[in-house]
Amino acid sequence: MRPKRGHILLLAGGAIAAASFGIFTYSTVILADSLLNDNRYVISPGGSQTIKQFINQSALGAYIIGFSDAPAQVDVRLAGPSDMTLDQRRVSVSPTDPPVFEQFQIAEGGEYSLIITNPSGEAVDVAAILGYNETIIQESGLSFATLAVTFMSLLFVGIALLVAGAAITILDRRRINKMKQFGDTSDLV
């Protein structure tokens, strides 16, 4: 039995929707990787690295942390201008994992600090960025708007093809059943 036109549209729609998610994921990893290669720090055992950035109150803040060579574990603390802890966590990732990307609301404008501490007994190579959400993305040279439009366009095309394929499959099935009911099999393949 060869595939019918409805089945072909269903397969094409699913493939395009899956491709849109793949492109979005790949582009996000490329974006983070290009940013992190320019912001590397080697943190000695028991040591820490502080990254400071002035952030206005009207913006949305973000930080990205990634590792380069070996699996590692670090403690991350994000502090606001009054040294109040906004986020604190232990991050464990391997070089094959995507970087950690976190956004945060800005309560007040001022100097924010990202403190990365190495609790292990070996030096850790860490890449990290702290800043405005939009600025981090623009620094990479990739346009987030282009990435979002591409992802959404492909996703909508995939969904439209899935809906069209389902409709055609249902209509064809009804037509074939009516033809069989009246004994007309001349058009059936």
Protein backbone atom coordinates (compact mmCIF):
# COMPACT_ATOMS: atom_id res chain seq x y z
CA MET A 1 0.00 0.00 0.00
CA ARG A 2 1.49 3.32 -1.01
CA PRO A 3 1.14 6.44 1.16
CA LYS A 4 -1.89 8.61 0.44
CA ARG A 5 -1.79 12.38 0.13
CA GLY A 6 -3.13 12.91 3.68
CA HIS A 7 -0.47 10.64 5.16
CA ILE A 8 2.26 12.44 3.23
CA LEU A 9 1.10 15.80 4.62
CA LEU A 10 0.99 14.36 8.15
CA LEU A 11 4.56 13.09 7.81
CA ALA A 12 5.80 16.36 6.28
CA GLY A 13 4.09 18.46 8.97
CA GLY A 14 5.56 16.37 11.77
CA ALA A 15 9.02 16.51 10.21
CA ILE A 16 8.90 20.30 9.76
CA ALA A 17 7.64 20.85 13.34
CA ALA A 18 10.41 18.60 14.68
CA ALA A 19 12.98 20.41 12.51
CA SER A 20 11.87 23.77 13.92
CA PHE A 21 12.54 22.57 17.46
CA GLY A 22 15.90 21.16 16.36
CA ILE A 23 16.92 24.43 14.71
CA PHE A 24 15.87 26.43 17.78
CA THR A 25 17.80 24.16 20.16
CA TYR A 26 20.90 24.09 17.96
CA SER A 27 20.88 27.89 17.53
CA THR A 28 20.47 28.43 21.26
CA VAL A 29 23.46 26.20 22.02
CA ILE A 30 25.55 27.95 19.33
CA LEU A 31 24.55 31.33 20.78
CA ALA A 32 25.54 30.37 24.32
CA ASP A 33 28.75 28.70 23.18
CA SER A 34 29.93 31.75 21.22
CA LEU A 35 29.23 33.99 24.21
CA LEU A 36 30.90 31.73 26.72
CA ASN A 37 34.12 31.27 24.75
CA ASP A 38 34.90 34.96 25.31
CA ASN A 39 34.23 34.91 29.08
CA ARG A 40 36.32 32.12 30.58
CA TYR A 41 37.60 31.93 34.15
CA VAL A 42 39.80 29.34 35.86
CA ILE A 43 38.73 28.98 39.50
CA SER A 44 41.26 27.38 41.84
CA PRO A 45 40.20 24.73 44.40
CA GLY A 46 38.21 26.39 47.17
CA GLY A 47 38.42 29.72 45.32
CA SER A 48 35.78 31.94 43.79
CA GLN A 49 35.26 34.33 40.89
CA THR A 50 33.03 37.41 41.10
CA ILE A 51 31.51 38.95 37.99
CA LYS A 52 29.98 42.39 38.47
CA GLN A 53 27.66 44.27 36.16
CA PHE A 54 25.62 47.46 36.54
CA ILE A 55 22.02 46.74 35.56
CA ASN A 56 19.18 49.29 35.33
CA GLN A 57 15.91 48.66 37.08
CA SER A 58 13.89 48.69 33.84
CA ALA A 59 15.68 45.70 32.34
CA LEU A 60 15.45 41.93 32.75
CA GLY A 61 18.70 40.41 33.96
CA ALA A 62 20.25 37.10 32.96
CA TYR A 63 23.30 34.96 33.52
CA ILE A 64 24.80 32.04 31.63
CA ILE A 65 27.26 29.51 33.06
CA GLY A 66 28.98 26.74 31.11
CA PHE A 67 31.93 24.41 31.50
CA SER A 68 34.59 23.55 29.00
CA ASP A 69 36.82 20.53 29.54
CA ALA A 70 35.66 18.21 32.30
CA PRO A 71 32.56 17.59 34.39
CA ALA A 72 32.46 20.09 37.23
CA GLN A 73 30.40 21.32 40.13
CA VAL A 74 30.27 24.92 41.34
CA ASP A 75 28.18 26.96 43.77
CA VAL A 76 26.51 29.98 42.17
CA ARG A 77 25.18 32.99 44.06
CA LEU A 78 23.51 36.00 42.45
CA ALA A 79 23.51 39.10 44.67
CA GLY A 80 21.72 42.41 44.16
CA PRO A 81 23.07 45.91 44.84
CA SER A 82 22.33 45.63 48.57
CA ASP A 83 24.18 42.26 48.65
CA MET A 84 20.87 40.47 49.10
CA THR A 85 20.93 36.94 47.62
CA LEU A 86 18.56 36.69 44.65
CA ASP A 87 19.51 33.18 43.55
CA GLN A 88 21.73 30.51 45.04
CA ARG A 89 22.31 27.02 43.69
CA ARG A 90 24.82 24.27 43.07
CA VAL A 91 25.36 23.62 39.38
CA SER A 92 26.65 20.26 38.16
CA VAL A 93 27.11 19.75 34.44
CA SER A 94 29.36 18.00 32.00
CA PRO A 95 30.90 19.54 28.85
CA THR A 96 28.21 17.91 26.70
CA ASP A 97 25.33 19.56 28.62
CA PRO A 98 23.97 22.90 27.42
CA PRO A 99 24.98 25.94 29.47
CA VAL A 100 22.81 27.05 32.40
CA PHE A 101 20.76 30.10 31.37
CA GLU A 102 18.78 31.90 34.07
CA GLN A 103 16.78 35.11 33.92
CA PHE A 104 15.91 37.24 36.93
CA GLN A 105 13.73 40.23 37.71
CA ILE A 106 15.53 43.39 38.71
CA ALA A 107 14.14 44.88 41.92
CA GLU A 108 16.43 47.91 41.89
CA GLY A 109 19.04 49.36 39.59
CA GLY A 110 22.66 48.98 40.62
CA GLU A 111 25.66 46.70 40.58
CA TYR A 112 24.76 43.01 40.55
CA SER A 113 27.27 40.28 41.39
CA LEU A 114 27.53 36.71 40.20
CA ILE A 115 29.77 34.81 42.63
CA ILE A 116 30.97 31.41 41.41
CA THR A 117 32.68 29.26 44.06
CA ASN A 118 34.62 26.05 43.42
CA PRO A 119 33.99 23.59 46.29
CA SER A 120 36.04 20.79 44.68
CA GLY A 121 39.67 19.92 45.13
CA GLU A 122 40.58 20.61 41.48
CA ALA A 123 40.69 23.79 39.40
CA VAL A 124 37.57 24.37 37.32
CA ASP A 125 37.43 26.09 33.94
CA VAL A 126 34.16 28.06 33.87
CA ALA A 127 32.62 30.37 31.31
CA ALA A 128 30.11 32.89 32.67
CA ILE A 129 28.26 36.05 31.68
CA LEU A 130 26.09 38.42 33.71
CA GLY A 131 24.07 41.26 32.20
CA TYR A 132 20.88 42.32 30.49
CA ASN A 133 18.89 39.59 28.84
CA GLU A 134 18.81 41.43 25.48
CA THR A 135 22.45 42.52 25.62
CA ILE A 136 23.73 39.00 26.21
CA ILE A 137 21.91 37.79 23.13
CA GLN A 138 23.00 40.75 20.98
CA GLU A 139 26.67 40.34 21.94
CA SER A 140 26.76 36.94 20.27
CA GLY A 141 26.11 38.42 16.83
CA LEU A 142 22.98 36.29 16.36
CA SER A 143 19.69 38.08 16.13
CA PHE A 144 17.22 36.66 18.62
CA ALA A 145 14.36 38.14 16.57
CA THR A 146 15.52 36.25 13.46
CA LEU A 147 15.87 33.07 15.47
CA ALA A 148 12.39 33.45 16.98
CA VAL A 149 10.75 34.27 13.62
CA THR A 150 12.42 31.27 11.96
CA PHE A 151 11.35 28.94 14.77
CA MET A 152 7.76 30.22 14.86
CA SER A 153 7.40 30.21 11.06
CA LEU A 154 8.57 26.63 10.71
CA LEU A 155 6.45 25.56 13.67
CA PHE A 156 3.31 27.16 12.20
CA VAL A 157 3.97 25.61 8.77
CA GLY A 158 4.43 22.20 10.42
CA ILE A 159 1.21 22.56 12.42
CA ALA A 160 -0.71 23.72 9.32
CA LEU A 161 0.51 20.69 7.39
CA LEU A 162 -0.45 18.39 10.25
CA VAL A 163 -3.98 19.85 10.35
CA ALA A 164 -4.31 19.70 6.54
CA GLY A 165 -3.03 16.11 6.49
CA ALA A 166 -5.48 15.05 9.19
CA ALA A 167 -8.40 16.74 7.38
CA ILE A 168 -7.51 15.18 4.03
CA THR A 169 -7.07 11.75 5.61
CA ILE A 170 -10.50 11.97 7.25
CA LEU A 171 -12.19 13.24 4.07
CA ASP A 172 -10.51 10.57 1.92
CA ARG A 173 -11.56 7.86 4.34
CA ARG A 174 -15.20 9.06 4.16
CA ARG A 175 -15.07 9.20 0.36
CA ILE A 176 -13.62 5.68 0.12
CA ASN A 177 -16.25 4.30 2.50
CA LYS A 178 -19.07 5.85 0.42
CA MET A 179 -17.56 4.48 -2.78
CA LYS A 180 -17.33 1.00 -1.26
CA GLN A 181 -20.90 1.30 0.01
CA PHE A 182 -22.21 1.87 -3.52
CA GLY A 183 -19.84 -0.66 -5.12
CA ASP A 184 -17.79 1.91 -7.01
CA THR A 185 -14.15 0.80 -6.72
CA SER A 186 -12.91 2.28 -10.00
CA ASP A 187 -11.18 5.23 -8.33
CA LEU A 188 -9.62 3.30 -5.42
CA VAL A 189 -5.88 2.74 -5.54
